Structures are given as C-alpha cells and as structure tokens.
Amino acid sequence: MAYVDGFVLAVKKDRLDEYRQIASDAADVWKEYGALRTVEAVAEDVPYGEVTSFPRAVQCQEDEVVIFSWIEYPDKETRDACNAKIMQDPRMKMDMVNGPMNAKTMIYGGFTPIVDNAGD
C-alpha cells in the first residue's frame, strides 16, 4: 500500500528561490532511492487562524512563508529504505541552522493514505 511523508515548514521569503533549488535537487535524490513523487507548494491562501492554522503551526514570522510538501512512495518499506539512504547521502547534507528554512519549527510525519482518487 502507498505511503506518504508530509511536511509543513517556514521558509524565508527572500530565500525562496534558494529553497526551491534545494528542494528540486533533493527531489531527484529521493526519486533515485525509490520515491514516486515529491511536491513542494508555497502558501497562497492560508489565513492566520485564531486557534490553529498552518502559519501558527510553524510559528511563521512576517519575513517567512509556509511550505506544504509531501513525498509519495509505493509502500512504507520503500520509504524506510529510502530515508535510511538519504541520511547517509552526502548530497543531502544541509545547513539546518543557517539555511533558508526554519528547521526548528518544521512539522513532519509518515502517513498511510485512506482515500486516493488519483487513478479515477
């Protein structure tokens, strides 16, 4: 059964192009190791909620924008093997402190789809 890793993070607005390049390069590596698809989407219509919201979740600052992304795999076993290889790959080493994204507030996790109408 398919498996998805999901991410929500804040990226500096003035470094969005840099983040896009990093994400594009990383997507190629993930695909090399078995991922089927990687999507990176920049927030456009995400209001700051009074209780909960994407911006609140990642403590998005005025100079940042929310990124919502996911990686699709054929199954959890492929995802686990892919992530193990990613952690060892020197192409995936990045500066998590001085990079374009706020790694401290990033939210991520693995999910099993329960509805997927892509083939419909």
PDB file of N, CA and C in Angstrom:
ATOM      1  N   MET A   1       0.831  -1.187   0.000  1.00  0.00           N
ATOM      2  CA  MET A   1       0.000   0.000   0.000  1.00  0.00           C
ATOM      3  C   MET A   1       0.872   1.246   0.000  1.00  0.00           C
ATOM      4  N   ALA A   2       0.430   2.292  -0.659  1.00  0.00           N
ATOM      5  CA  ALA A   2       1.182   3.551  -0.771  1.00  0.00           C
ATOM      6  C   ALA A   2       1.483   4.128   0.607  1.00  0.00           C
ATOM      7  N   TYR A   3       2.471   5.009   0.641  1.00  0.00           N
ATOM      8  CA  TYR A   3       2.863   5.675   1.872  1.00  0.00           C
ATOM      9  C   TYR A   3       3.272   7.100   1.527  1.00  0.00           C
ATOM     10  N   VAL A   4       3.029   8.039   2.448  1.00  0.00           N
ATOM     11  CA  VAL A   4       3.310   9.461   2.208  1.00  0.00           C
ATOM     12  C   VAL A   4       4.020  10.056   3.412  1.00  0.00           C
ATOM     13  N   ASP A   5       5.087  10.805   3.154  1.00  0.00           N
ATOM     14  CA  ASP A   5       5.692  11.647   4.176  1.00  0.00           C
ATOM     15  C   ASP A   5       5.190  13.058   3.928  1.00  0.00           C
ATOM     16  N   GLY A   6       4.740  13.739   4.979  1.00  0.00           N
ATOM     17  CA  GLY A   6       4.233  15.096   4.852  1.00  0.00           C
ATOM     18  C   GLY A   6       5.060  16.064   5.676  1.00  0.00           C
ATOM     19  N   PHE A   7       5.164  17.297   5.185  1.00  0.00           N
ATOM     20  CA  PHE A   7       5.978  18.327   5.833  1.00  0.00           C
ATOM     21  C   PHE A   7       5.273  19.679   5.768  1.00  0.00           C
ATOM     22  N   VAL A   8       5.384  20.451   6.828  1.00  0.00           N
ATOM     23  CA  VAL A   8       4.971  21.851   6.838  1.00  0.00           C
ATOM     24  C   VAL A   8       6.119  22.609   7.491  1.00  0.00           C
ATOM     25  N   LEU A   9       6.587  23.665   6.824  1.00  0.00           N
ATOM     26  CA  LEU A   9       7.720  24.411   7.336  1.00  0.00           C
ATOM     27  C   LEU A   9       7.648  25.864   6.902  1.00  0.00           C
ATOM     28  N   ALA A  10       8.438  26.690   7.571  1.00  0.00           N
ATOM     29  CA  ALA A  10       8.536  28.109   7.228  1.00  0.00           C
ATOM     30  C   ALA A  10       9.848  28.352   6.507  1.00  0.00           C
ATOM     31  N   VAL A  11       9.784  29.164   5.435  1.00  0.00           N
ATOM     32  CA  VAL A  11      10.959  29.498   4.636  1.00  0.00           C
ATOM     33  C   VAL A  11      11.048  31.014   4.526  1.00  0.00           C
ATOM     34  N   LYS A  12      12.251  31.539   4.629  1.00  0.00           N
ATOM     35  CA  LYS A  12      12.458  32.980   4.469  1.00  0.00           C
ATOM     36  C   LYS A  12      11.995  33.398   3.076  1.00  0.00           C
ATOM     37  N   LYS A  13      11.165  34.425   3.006  1.00  0.00           N
ATOM     38  CA  LYS A  13      10.643  34.891   1.717  1.00  0.00           C
ATOM     39  C   LYS A  13      11.764  35.277   0.761  1.00  0.00           C
ATOM     40  N   ASP A  14      12.782  35.939   1.267  1.00  0.00           N
ATOM     41  CA  ASP A  14      13.858  36.385   0.393  1.00  0.00           C
ATOM     42  C   ASP A  14      14.827  35.267   0.015  1.00  0.00           C
ATOM     43  N   ARG A  15      14.560  34.044   0.516  1.00  0.00           N
ATOM     44  CA  ARG A  15      15.415  32.896   0.180  1.00  0.00           C
ATOM     45  C   ARG A  15      14.594  31.764  -0.458  1.00  0.00           C
ATOM     46  N   LEU A  16      13.405  32.114  -0.933  1.00  0.00           N
ATOM     47  CA  LEU A  16      12.514  31.114  -1.516  1.00  0.00           C
ATOM     48  C   LEU A  16      13.131  30.457  -2.756  1.00  0.00           C
ATOM     49  N   ASP A  17      13.794  31.215  -3.593  1.00  0.00           N
ATOM     50  CA  ASP A  17      14.445  30.624  -4.771  1.00  0.00           C
ATOM     51  C   ASP A  17      15.533  29.639  -4.369  1.00  0.00           C
ATOM     52  N   GLU A  18      16.274  29.977  -3.327  1.00  0.00           N
ATOM     53  CA  GLU A  18      17.308  29.068  -2.816  1.00  0.00           C
ATOM     54  C   GLU A  18      16.665  27.783  -2.297  1.00  0.00           C
ATOM     55  N   TYR A  19      15.582  27.925  -1.549  1.00  0.00           N
ATOM     56  CA  TYR A  19      14.876  26.744  -1.047  1.00  0.00           C
ATOM     57  C   TYR A  19      14.355  25.896  -2.213  1.00  0.00           C
ATOM     58  N   ARG A  20      13.790  26.541  -3.230  1.00  0.00           N
ATOM     59  CA  ARG A  20      13.267  25.824  -4.393  1.00  0.00           C
ATOM     60  C   ARG A  20      14.354  24.972  -5.034  1.00  0.00           C
ATOM     61  N   GLN A  21      15.558  25.508  -5.158  1.00  0.00           N
ATOM     62  CA  GLN A  21      16.659  24.753  -5.764  1.00  0.00           C
ATOM     63  C   GLN A  21      17.064  23.575  -4.878  1.00  0.00           C
ATOM     64  N   ILE A  22      17.160  23.805  -3.580  1.00  0.00           N
ATOM     65  CA  ILE A  22      17.491  22.729  -2.640  1.00  0.00           C
ATOM     66  C   ILE A  22      16.437  21.623  -2.729  1.00  0.00           C
ATOM     67  N   ALA A  23      15.172  22.011  -2.731  1.00  0.00           N
ATOM     68  CA  ALA A  23      14.082  21.038  -2.783  1.00  0.00           C
ATOM     69  C   ALA A  23      14.085  20.269  -4.097  1.00  0.00           C
ATOM     70  N   SER A  24      14.368  20.962  -5.196  1.00  0.00           N
ATOM     71  CA  SER A  24      14.422  20.305  -6.502  1.00  0.00           C
ATOM     72  C   SER A  24      15.557  19.282  -6.557  1.00  0.00           C
ATOM     73  N   ASP A  25      16.717  19.665  -6.060  1.00  0.00           N
ATOM     74  CA  ASP A  25      17.856  18.742  -6.025  1.00  0.00           C
ATOM     75  C   ASP A  25      17.547  17.543  -5.123  1.00  0.00           C
ATOM     76  N   ALA A  26      16.936  17.808  -3.968  1.00  0.00           N
ATOM     77  CA  ALA A  26      16.592  16.728  -3.036  1.00  0.00           C
ATOM     78  C   ALA A  26      15.553  15.791  -3.642  1.00  0.00           C
ATOM     79  N   ALA A  27      14.608  16.333  -4.384  1.00  0.00           N
ATOM     80  CA  ALA A  27      13.576  15.505  -5.016  1.00  0.00           C
ATOM     81  C   ALA A  27      14.207  14.483  -5.957  1.00  0.00           C
ATOM     82  N   ASP A  28      15.241  14.895  -6.681  1.00  0.00           N
ATOM     83  CA  ASP A  28      15.930  13.960  -7.574  1.00  0.00           C
ATOM     84  C   ASP A  28      16.568  12.817  -6.793  1.00  0.00           C
ATOM     85  N   VAL A  29      17.149  13.132  -5.639  1.00  0.00           N
ATOM     86  CA  VAL A  29      17.786  12.095  -4.821  1.00  0.00           C
ATOM     87  C   VAL A  29      16.726  11.158  -4.246  1.00  0.00           C
ATOM     88  N   TRP A  30      15.619  11.716  -3.740  1.00  0.00           N
ATOM     89  CA  TRP A  30      14.543  10.881  -3.208  1.00  0.00           C
ATOM     90  C   TRP A  30      14.026   9.933  -4.291  1.00  0.00           C
ATOM     91  N   LYS A  31      13.852  10.441  -5.491  1.00  0.00           N
ATOM     92  CA  LYS A  31      13.351   9.607  -6.586  1.00  0.00           C
ATOM     93  C   LYS A  31      14.361   8.505  -6.926  1.00  0.00           C
ATOM     94  N   GLU A  32      15.636   8.857  -6.905  1.00  0.00           N
ATOM     95  CA  GLU A  32      16.694   7.868  -7.156  1.00  0.00           C
ATOM     96  C   GLU A  32      16.582   6.699  -6.173  1.00  0.00           C
ATOM     97  N   TYR A  33      16.177   6.987  -4.941  1.00  0.00           N
ATOM     98  CA  TYR A  33      16.103   5.959  -3.906  1.00  0.00           C
ATOM     99  C   TYR A  33      14.726   5.318  -3.763  1.00  0.00           C
ATOM    100  N   GLY A  34      13.786   5.646  -4.645  1.00  0.00           N
ATOM    101  CA  GLY A  34      12.523   4.917  -4.639  1.00  0.00           C
ATOM    102  C   GLY A  34      11.258   5.724  -4.467  1.00  0.00           C
ATOM    103  N   ALA A  35      11.351   7.020  -4.174  1.00  0.00           N
ATOM    104  CA  ALA A  35      10.140   7.836  -4.063  1.00  0.00           C
ATOM    105  C   ALA A  35       9.488   7.947  -5.436  1.00  0.00           C
ATOM    106  N   LEU A  36       8.165   7.991  -5.456  1.00  0.00           N
ATOM    107  CA  LEU A  36       7.428   8.111  -6.705  1.00  0.00           C
ATOM    108  C   LEU A  36       7.219   9.559  -7.121  1.00  0.00           C
ATOM    109  N   ARG A  37       7.056  10.427  -6.124  1.00  0.00           N
ATOM    110  CA  ARG A  37       6.688  11.811  -6.405  1.00  0.00           C
ATOM    111  C   ARG A  37       7.051  12.684  -5.205  1.00  0.00           C
ATOM    112  N   THR A  38       7.512  13.891  -5.495  1.00  0.00           N
ATOM    113  CA  THR A  38       7.768  14.881  -4.457  1.00  0.00           C
ATOM    114  C   THR A  38       7.084  16.179  -4.872  1.00  0.00           C
ATOM    115  N   VAL A  39       6.348  16.779  -3.941  1.00  0.00           N
ATOM    116  CA  VAL A  39       5.634  18.030  -4.221  1.00  0.00           C
ATOM    117  C   VAL A  39       6.023  19.048  -3.162  1.00  0.00           C
ATOM    118  N   GLU A  40       6.356  20.251  -3.610  1.00  0.00           N
ATOM    119  CA  GLU A  40       6.639  21.390  -2.725  1.00  0.00           C
ATOM    120  C   GLU A  40       5.682  22.506  -3.137  1.00  0.00           C
ATOM    121  N   ALA A  41       4.890  22.996  -2.194  1.00  0.00           N
ATOM    122  CA  ALA A  41       3.906  24.029  -2.513  1.00  0.00           C
ATOM    123  C   ALA A  41       4.048  25.197  -1.536  1.00  0.00           C
ATOM    124  N   VAL A  42       4.053  26.407  -2.093  1.00  0.00           N
ATOM    125  CA  VAL A  42       4.182  27.607  -1.273  1.00  0.00           C
ATOM    126  C   VAL A  42       2.786  28.142  -0.941  1.00  0.00           C
ATOM    127  N   ALA A  43       2.609  28.580   0.290  1.00  0.00           N
ATOM    128  CA  ALA A  43       1.313  29.062   0.766  1.00  0.00           C
ATOM    129  C   ALA A  43       0.847  30.269  -0.025  1.00  0.00           C
ATOM    130  N   GLU A  44      -0.426  30.258  -0.358  1.00  0.00           N
ATOM    131  CA  GLU A  44      -1.032  31.383  -1.064  1.00  0.00           C
ATOM    132  C   GLU A  44      -2.312  31.826  -0.353  1.00  0.00           C
ATOM    133  N   ASP A  45      -3.087  30.874   0.088  1.00  0.00           N
ATOM    134  CA  ASP A  45      -4.367  31.166   0.728  1.00  0.00           C
ATOM    135  C   ASP A  45      -4.430  30.417   2.056  1.00  0.00           C
ATOM    136  N   VAL A  46      -3.636  30.875   3.033  1.00  0.00           N
ATOM    137  CA  VAL A  46      -3.560  30.225   4.338  1.00  0.00           C
ATOM    138  C   VAL A  46      -3.682  31.282   5.438  1.00  0.00           C
ATOM    139  N   PRO A  47      -4.912  31.590   5.814  1.00  0.00           N
ATOM    140  CA  PRO A  47      -5.110  32.630   6.825  1.00  0.00           C
ATOM    141  C   PRO A  47      -4.502  32.248   8.174  1.00  0.00           C
ATOM    142  N   TYR A  48      -4.096  33.266   8.893  1.00  0.00           N
ATOM    143  CA  TYR A  48      -3.566  33.090  10.241  1.00  0.00           C
ATOM    144  C   TYR A  48      -4.755  32.905  11.173  1.00  0.00           C
ATOM    145  N   GLY A  49      -4.946  31.689  11.635  1.00  0.00           N
ATOM    146  CA  GLY A  49      -6.107  31.373  12.458  1.00  0.00           C
ATOM    147  C   GLY A  49      -6.002  31.888  13.881  1.00  0.00           C
ATOM    148  N   GLU A  50      -7.161  32.001  14.528  1.00  0.00           N
ATOM    149  CA  GLU A  50      -7.179  32.445  15.923  1.00  0.00           C
ATOM    150  C   GLU A  50      -6.727  31.351  16.871  1.00  0.00           C
ATOM    151  N   VAL A  51      -6.970  30.094  16.503  1.00  0.00           N
ATOM    152  CA  VAL A  51      -6.588  28.966  17.353  1.00  0.00           C
ATOM    153  C   VAL A  51      -5.539  28.089  16.662  1.00  0.00           C
ATOM    154  N   THR A  52      -5.845  27.668  15.439  1.00  0.00           N
ATOM    155  CA  THR A  52      -4.915  26.833  14.692  1.00  0.00           C
ATOM    156  C   THR A  52      -4.831  27.315  13.243  1.00  0.00           C
ATOM    157  N   SER A  53      -3.693  27.049  12.606  1.00  0.00           N
ATOM    158  CA  SER A  53      -3.506  27.356  11.197  1.00  0.00           C
ATOM    159  C   SER A  53      -2.114  26.879  10.798  1.00  0.00           C
ATOM    160  N   PHE A  54      -1.871  26.823   9.499  1.00  0.00           N
ATOM    161  CA  PHE A  54      -0.533  26.462   9.034  1.00  0.00           C
ATOM    162  C   PHE A  54       0.512  27.455   9.535  1.00  0.00           C
ATOM    163  N   PRO A  55       0.271  28.775   9.408  1.00  0.00           N
ATOM    164  CA  PRO A  55       1.284  29.713   9.916  1.00  0.00           C
ATOM    165  C   PRO A  55       1.549  29.561  11.412  1.00  0.00           C
ATOM    166  N   ARG A  56       0.503  29.363  12.193  1.00  0.00           N
ATOM    167  CA  ARG A  56       0.678  29.180  13.633  1.00  0.00           C
ATOM    168  C   ARG A  56       1.471  27.906  13.926  1.00  0.00           C
ATOM    169  N   ALA A  57       1.174  26.850  13.194  1.00  0.00           N
ATOM    170  CA  ALA A  57       1.796  25.551  13.451  1.00  0.00           C
ATOM    171  C   ALA A  57       3.316  25.616  13.342  1.00  0.00           C
ATOM    172  N   VAL A  58       3.823  26.417  12.402  1.00  0.00           N
ATOM    173  CA  VAL A  58       5.274  26.503  12.199  1.00  0.00           C
ATOM    174  C   VAL A  58       5.856  27.830  12.690  1.00  0.00           C
ATOM    175  N   GLN A  59       5.068  28.552  13.481  1.00  0.00           N
ATOM    176  CA  GLN A  59       5.498  29.823  14.058  1.00  0.00           C
ATOM    177  C   GLN A  59       6.065  30.755  12.985  1.00  0.00           C
ATOM    178  N   CYS A  60       5.334  30.843  11.874  1.00  0.00           N
ATOM    179  CA  CYS A  60       5.749  31.622  10.718  1.00  0.00           C
ATOM    180  C   CYS A  60       5.882  33.101  11.086  1.00  0.00           C
ATOM    181  N   GLN A  61       7.031  33.694  10.753  1.00  0.00           N
ATOM    182  CA  GLN A  61       7.305  35.094  11.015  1.00  0.00           C
ATOM    183  C   GLN A  61       6.908  35.936   9.802  1.00  0.00           C
ATOM    184  N   GLU A  62       6.875  37.253   9.960  1.00  0.00           N
ATOM    185  CA  GLU A  62       6.497  38.164   8.877  1.00  0.00           C
ATOM    186  C   GLU A  62       7.363  38.002   7.630  1.00  0.00           C
ATOM    187  N   ASP A  63       8.633  37.659   7.838  1.00  0.00           N
ATOM    188  CA  ASP A  63       9.563  37.530   6.712  1.00  0.00           C
ATOM    189  C   ASP A  63       9.636  36.101   6.170  1.00  0.00           C
ATOM    190  N   GLU A  64       8.673  35.254   6.551  1.00  0.00           N
ATOM    191  CA  GLU A  64       8.656  33.858   6.129  1.00  0.00           C
ATOM    192  C   GLU A  64       7.343  33.514   5.433  1.00  0.00           C
ATOM    193  N   VAL A  65       7.366  32.412   4.704  1.00  0.00           N
ATOM    194  CA  VAL A  65       6.187  31.885   4.039  1.00  0.00           C
ATOM    195  C   VAL A  65       6.103  30.397   4.364  1.00  0.00           C
ATOM    196  N   VAL A  66       4.885  29.877   4.419  1.00  0.00           N
ATOM    197  CA  VAL A  66       4.677  28.463   4.724  1.00  0.00           C
ATOM    198  C   VAL A  66       4.858  27.619   3.463  1.00  0.00           C
ATOM    199  N   ILE A  67       5.543  26.498   3.630  1.00  0.00           N
ATOM    200  CA  ILE A  67       5.684  25.491   2.580  1.00  0.00           C
ATOM    201  C   ILE A  67       4.983  24.226   3.063  1.00  0.00           C
ATOM    202  N   PHE A  68       4.168  23.654   2.181  1.00  0.00           N
ATOM    203  CA  PHE A  68       3.481  22.388   2.437  1.00  0.00           C
ATOM    204  C   PHE A  68       4.016  21.409   1.404  1.00  0.00           C
ATOM    205  N   SER A  69       4.550  20.296   1.843  1.00  0.00           N
ATOM    206  CA  SER A  69       5.128  19.366   0.881  1.00  0.00           C
ATOM    207  C   SER A  69       4.858  17.925   1.278  1.00  0.00           C
ATOM    208  N   TRP A  70       4.985  17.061   0.283  1.00  0.00           N
ATOM    209  CA  TRP A  70       4.840  15.639   0.557  1.00  0.00           C
ATOM    210  C   TRP A  70       5.662  14.830  -0.427  1.00  0.00           C
ATOM    211  N   ILE A  71       6.003  13.625   0.026  1.00  0.00           N
ATOM    212  CA  ILE A  71       6.738  12.669  -0.792  1.00  0.00           C
ATOM    213  C   ILE A  71       5.918  11.388  -0.810  1.00  0.00           C
ATOM    214  N   GLU A  72       5.664  10.870  -2.000  1.00  0.00           N
ATOM    215  CA  GLU A  72       4.890   9.643  -2.151  1.00  0.00           C
ATOM    216  C   GLU A  72       5.827   8.473  -2.440  1.00  0.00           C
ATOM    217  N   TYR A  73       5.515   7.332  -1.846  1.00  0.00           N
ATOM    218  CA  TYR A  73       6.273   6.090  -2.023  1.00  0.00           C
ATOM    219  C   TYR A  73       5.296   4.969  -2.377  1.00  0.00           C
ATOM    220  N   PRO A  74       5.800   3.894  -2.970  1.00  0.00           N
ATOM    221  CA  PRO A  74       4.905   2.773  -3.250  1.00  0.00           C
ATOM    222  C   PRO A  74       4.423   2.069  -1.976  1.00  0.00           C
ATOM    223  N   ASP A  75       5.240   2.121  -0.907  1.00  0.00           N
ATOM    224  CA  ASP A  75       4.880   1.462   0.359  1.00  0.00           C
ATOM    225  C   ASP A  75       5.809   1.956   1.462  1.00  0.00           C
ATOM    226  N   LYS A  76       5.494   1.602   2.701  1.00  0.00           N
ATOM    227  CA  LYS A  76       6.284   2.057   3.851  1.00  0.00           C
ATOM    228  C   LYS A  76       7.687   1.461   3.839  1.00  0.00           C
ATOM    229  N   GLU A  77       7.824   0.248   3.361  1.00  0.00           N
ATOM    230  CA  GLU A  77       9.146  -0.381   3.310  1.00  0.00           C
ATOM    231  C   GLU A  77      10.088   0.405   2.397  1.00  0.00           C
ATOM    232  N   THR A  78       9.573   0.835   1.247  1.00  0.00           N
ATOM    233  CA  THR A  78      10.382   1.653   0.335  1.00  0.00           C
ATOM    234  C   THR A  78      10.733   2.974   0.993  1.00  0.00           C
ATOM    235  N   ARG A  79       9.766   3.570   1.689  1.00  0.00           N
ATOM    236  CA  ARG A  79      10.020   4.841   2.391  1.00  0.00           C
ATOM    237  C   ARG A  79      11.118   4.680   3.429  1.00  0.00           C
ATOM    238  N   ASP A  80      11.036   3.609   4.235  1.00  0.00           N
ATOM    239  CA  ASP A  80      12.039   3.394   5.274  1.00  0.00           C
ATOM    240  C   ASP A  80      13.432   3.188   4.673  1.00  0.00           C
ATOM    241  N   ALA A  81      13.516   2.399   3.599  1.00  0.00           N
ATOM    242  CA  ALA A  81      14.801   2.164   2.932  1.00  0.00           C
ATOM    243  C   ALA A  81      15.324   3.452   2.300  1.00  0.00           C
ATOM    244  N   CYS A  82      14.436   4.208   1.675  1.00  0.00           N
ATOM    245  CA  CYS A  82      14.801   5.473   1.053  1.00  0.00           C
ATOM    246  C   CYS A  82      15.351   6.440   2.093  1.00  0.00           C
ATOM    247  N   ASN A  83      14.664   6.598   3.199  1.00  0.00           N
ATOM    248  CA  ASN A  83      15.103   7.533   4.233  1.00  0.00           C
ATOM    249  C   ASN A  83      16.444   7.125   4.838  1.00  0.00           C
ATOM    250  N   ALA A  84      16.676   5.825   4.986  1.00  0.00           N
ATOM    251  CA  ALA A  84      17.968   5.360   5.503  1.00  0.00           C
ATOM    252  C   ALA A  84      19.091   5.761   4.550  1.00  0.00           C
ATOM    253  N   LYS A  85      18.869   5.625   3.249  1.00  0.00           N
ATOM    254  CA  LYS A  85      19.875   6.012   2.255  1.00  0.00           C
ATOM    255  C   LYS A  85      20.062   7.526   2.220  1.00  0.00           C
ATOM    256  N   ILE A  86      18.957   8.267   2.331  1.00  0.00           N
ATOM    257  CA  ILE A  86      19.008   9.734   2.330  1.00  0.00           C
ATOM    258  C   ILE A  86      19.907  10.238   3.457  1.00  0.00           C
ATOM    259  N   MET A  87      19.767   9.636   4.631  1.00  0.00           N
ATOM    260  CA  MET A  87      20.537  10.077   5.798  1.00  0.00           C
ATOM    261  C   MET A  87      22.033   9.880   5.607  1.00  0.00           C
ATOM    262  N   GLN A  88      22.428   8.946   4.750  1.00  0.00           N
ATOM    263  CA  GLN A  88      23.841   8.662   4.509  1.00  0.00           C
ATOM    264  C   GLN A  88      24.401   9.361   3.278  1.00  0.00           C
ATOM    265  N   ASP A  89      23.546   9.934   2.466  1.00  0.00           N
ATOM    266  CA  ASP A  89      23.964  10.512   1.193  1.00  0.00           C
ATOM    267  C   ASP A  89      24.563  11.902   1.405  1.00  0.00           C
ATOM    268  N   PRO A  90      25.811  12.121   0.997  1.00  0.00           N
ATOM    269  CA  PRO A  90      26.436  13.436   1.201  1.00  0.00           C
ATOM    270  C   PRO A  90      25.736  14.565   0.443  1.00  0.00           C
ATOM    271  N   ARG A  91      24.985  14.247  -0.608  1.00  0.00           N
ATOM    272  CA  ARG A  91      24.254  15.287  -1.339  1.00  0.00           C
ATOM    273  C   ARG A  91      23.130  15.884  -0.491  1.00  0.00           C
ATOM    274  N   MET A  92      22.741  15.179   0.556  1.00  0.00           N
ATOM    275  CA  MET A  92      21.617  15.621   1.377  1.00  0.00           C
ATOM    276  C   MET A  92      22.053  16.363   2.644  1.00  0.00           C
ATOM    277  N   LYS A  93      23.341  16.590   2.799  1.00  0.00           N
ATOM    278  CA  LYS A  93      23.828  17.350   3.946  1.00  0.00           C
ATOM    279  C   LYS A  93      23.514  18.817   3.718  1.00  0.00           C
ATOM    280  N   MET A  94      22.807  19.434   4.659  1.00  0.00           N
ATOM    281  CA  MET A  94      22.493  20.849   4.521  1.00  0.00           C
ATOM    282  C   MET A  94      22.576  21.539   5.864  1.00  0.00           C
ATOM    283  N   ASP A  95      22.770  22.816   5.804  1.00  0.00           N
ATOM    284  CA  ASP A  95      22.874  23.640   6.999  1.00  0.00           C
ATOM    285  C   ASP A  95      21.472  23.906   7.535  1.00  0.00           C
ATOM    286  N   MET A  96      21.105  23.212   8.590  1.00  0.00           N
ATOM    287  CA  MET A  96      19.759  23.338   9.156  1.00  0.00           C
ATOM    288  C   MET A  96      19.630  24.570  10.048  1.00  0.00           C
ATOM    289  N   VAL A  97      20.723  25.243  10.332  1.00  0.00           N
ATOM    290  CA  VAL A  97      20.676  26.436  11.177  1.00  0.00           C
ATOM    291  C   VAL A  97      20.667  27.706  10.323  1.00  0.00           C
ATOM    292  N   ASN A  98      21.536  27.761   9.323  1.00  0.00           N
ATOM    293  CA  ASN A  98      21.671  28.968   8.506  1.00  0.00           C
ATOM    294  C   ASN A  98      21.030  28.841   7.135  1.00  0.00           C
ATOM    295  N   GLY A  99      20.301  27.764   6.893  1.00  0.00           N
ATOM    296  CA  GLY A  99      19.652  27.552   5.605  1.00  0.00           C
ATOM    297  C   GLY A  99      18.417  28.426   5.447  1.00  0.00           C
ATOM    298  N   PRO A 100      17.731  28.298   4.323  1.00  0.00           N
ATOM    299  CA  PRO A 100      16.568  29.146   4.051  1.00  0.00           C
ATOM    300  C   PRO A 100      15.320  28.765   4.838  1.00  0.00           C
ATOM    301  N   MET A 101      15.311  27.582   5.467  1.00  0.00           N
ATOM    302  CA  MET A 101      14.108  27.169   6.185  1.00  0.00           C
ATOM    303  C   MET A 101      14.347  27.127   7.687  1.00  0.00           C
ATOM    304  N   ASN A 102      13.240  27.209   8.417  1.00  0.00           N
ATOM    305  CA  ASN A 102      13.298  27.149   9.867  1.00  0.00           C
ATOM    306  C   ASN A 102      13.090  25.692  10.288  1.00  0.00           C
ATOM    307  N   ALA A 103      14.185  24.959  10.436  1.00  0.00           N
ATOM    308  CA  ALA A 103      14.110  23.534  10.769  1.00  0.00           C
ATOM    309  C   ALA A 103      13.563  23.293  12.182  1.00  0.00           C
ATOM    310  N   LYS A 104      13.688  24.278  13.059  1.00  0.00           N
ATOM    311  CA  LYS A 104      13.221  24.110  14.439  1.00  0.00           C
ATOM    312  C   LYS A 104      11.707  23.968  14.531  1.00  0.00           C
ATOM    313  N   THR A 105      10.988  24.595  13.610  1.00  0.00           N
ATOM    314  CA  THR A 105       9.525  24.570  13.697  1.00  0.00           C
ATOM    315  C   THR A 105       8.883  23.671  12.641  1.00  0.00           C
ATOM    316  N   MET A 106       9.699  22.965  11.846  1.00  0.00           N
ATOM    317  CA  MET A 106       9.169  22.080  10.811  1.00  0.00           C
ATOM    318  C   MET A 106       8.373  20.935  11.448  1.00  0.00           C
ATOM    319  N   ILE A 107       7.234  20.638  10.826  1.00  0.00           N
ATOM    320  CA  ILE A 107       6.392  19.523  11.250  1.00  0.00           C
ATOM    321  C   ILE A 107       6.472  18.466  10.160  1.00  0.00           C
ATOM    322  N   TYR A 108       6.653  17.214  10.548  1.00  0.00           N
ATOM    323  CA  TYR A 108       6.734  16.154   9.543  1.00  0.00           C
ATOM    324  C   TYR A 108       6.247  14.834  10.128  1.00  0.00           C
ATOM    325  N   GLY A 109       5.890  13.927   9.251  1.00  0.00           N
ATOM    326  CA  GLY A 109       5.459  12.610   9.690  1.00  0.00           C
ATOM    327  C   GLY A 109       5.098  11.735   8.512  1.00  0.00           C
ATOM    328  N   GLY A 110       4.935  10.457   8.784  1.00  0.00           N
ATOM    329  CA  GLY A 110       4.573   9.480   7.767  1.00  0.00           C
ATOM    330  C   GLY A 110       3.117   9.087   7.882  1.00  0.00           C
ATOM    331  N   PHE A 111       2.473   8.865   6.727  1.00  0.00           N
ATOM    332  CA  PHE A 111       1.037   8.618   6.686  1.00  0.00           C
ATOM    333  C   PHE A 111       0.684   7.498   5.708  1.00  0.00           C
ATOM    334  N   THR A 112      -0.305   6.712   6.079  1.00  0.00           N
ATOM    335  CA  THR A 112      -0.890   5.727   5.179  1.00  0.00           C
ATOM    336  C   THR A 112      -2.159   6.323   4.599  1.00  0.00           C
ATOM    337  N   PRO A 113      -2.246   6.462   3.276  1.00  0.00           N
ATOM    338  CA  PRO A 113      -3.457   7.025   2.670  1.00  0.00           C
ATOM    339  C   PRO A 113      -4.687   6.158   2.939  1.00  0.00           C
ATOM    340  N   ILE A 114      -5.825   6.808   3.164  1.00  0.00           N
ATOM    341  CA  ILE A 114      -7.076   6.080   3.314  1.00  0.00           C
ATOM    342  C   ILE A 114      -8.043   6.397   2.176  1.00  0.00           C
ATOM    343  N   VAL A 115      -7.772   7.482   1.438  1.00  0.00           N
ATOM    344  CA  VAL A 115      -8.520   7.816   0.220  1.00  0.00           C
ATOM    345  C   VAL A 115      -7.507   8.382  -0.778  1.00  0.00           C
ATOM    346  N   ASP A 116      -7.556   7.881  -2.004  1.00  0.00           N
ATOM    347  CA  ASP A 116      -6.675   8.368  -3.064  1.00  0.00           C
ATOM    348  C   ASP A 116      -7.375   8.140  -4.377  1.00  0.00           C
ATOM    349  N   ASN A 117      -7.869   9.199  -4.995  1.00  0.00           N
ATOM    350  CA  ASN A 117      -8.614   9.046  -6.241  1.00  0.00           C
ATOM    351  C   ASN A 117      -7.785   9.433  -7.462  1.00  0.00           C
ATOM    352  N   ALA A 118      -6.467   9.373  -7.363  1.00  0.00           N
ATOM    353  CA  ALA A 118      -5.583   9.767  -8.462  1.00  0.00           C
ATOM    354  C   ALA A 118      -5.833   8.924  -9.703  1.00  0.00           C
ATOM    355  N   GLY A 119      -6.213   7.685  -9.550  1.00  0.00           N
ATOM    356  CA  GLY A 119      -6.423   6.811 -10.678  1.00  0.00           C
ATOM    357  C   GLY A 119      -7.824   6.876 -11.257  1.00  0.00           C
ATOM    358  N   ASP A 120      -8.698   7.681 -10.659  1.00  0.00           N
ATOM    359  CA  ASP A 120     -10.097   7.765 -11.121  1.00  0.00           C
ATOM    360  C   ASP A 120     -10.234   8.610 -12.369  1.00  0.00           C
TER     361      ASP A 120
END
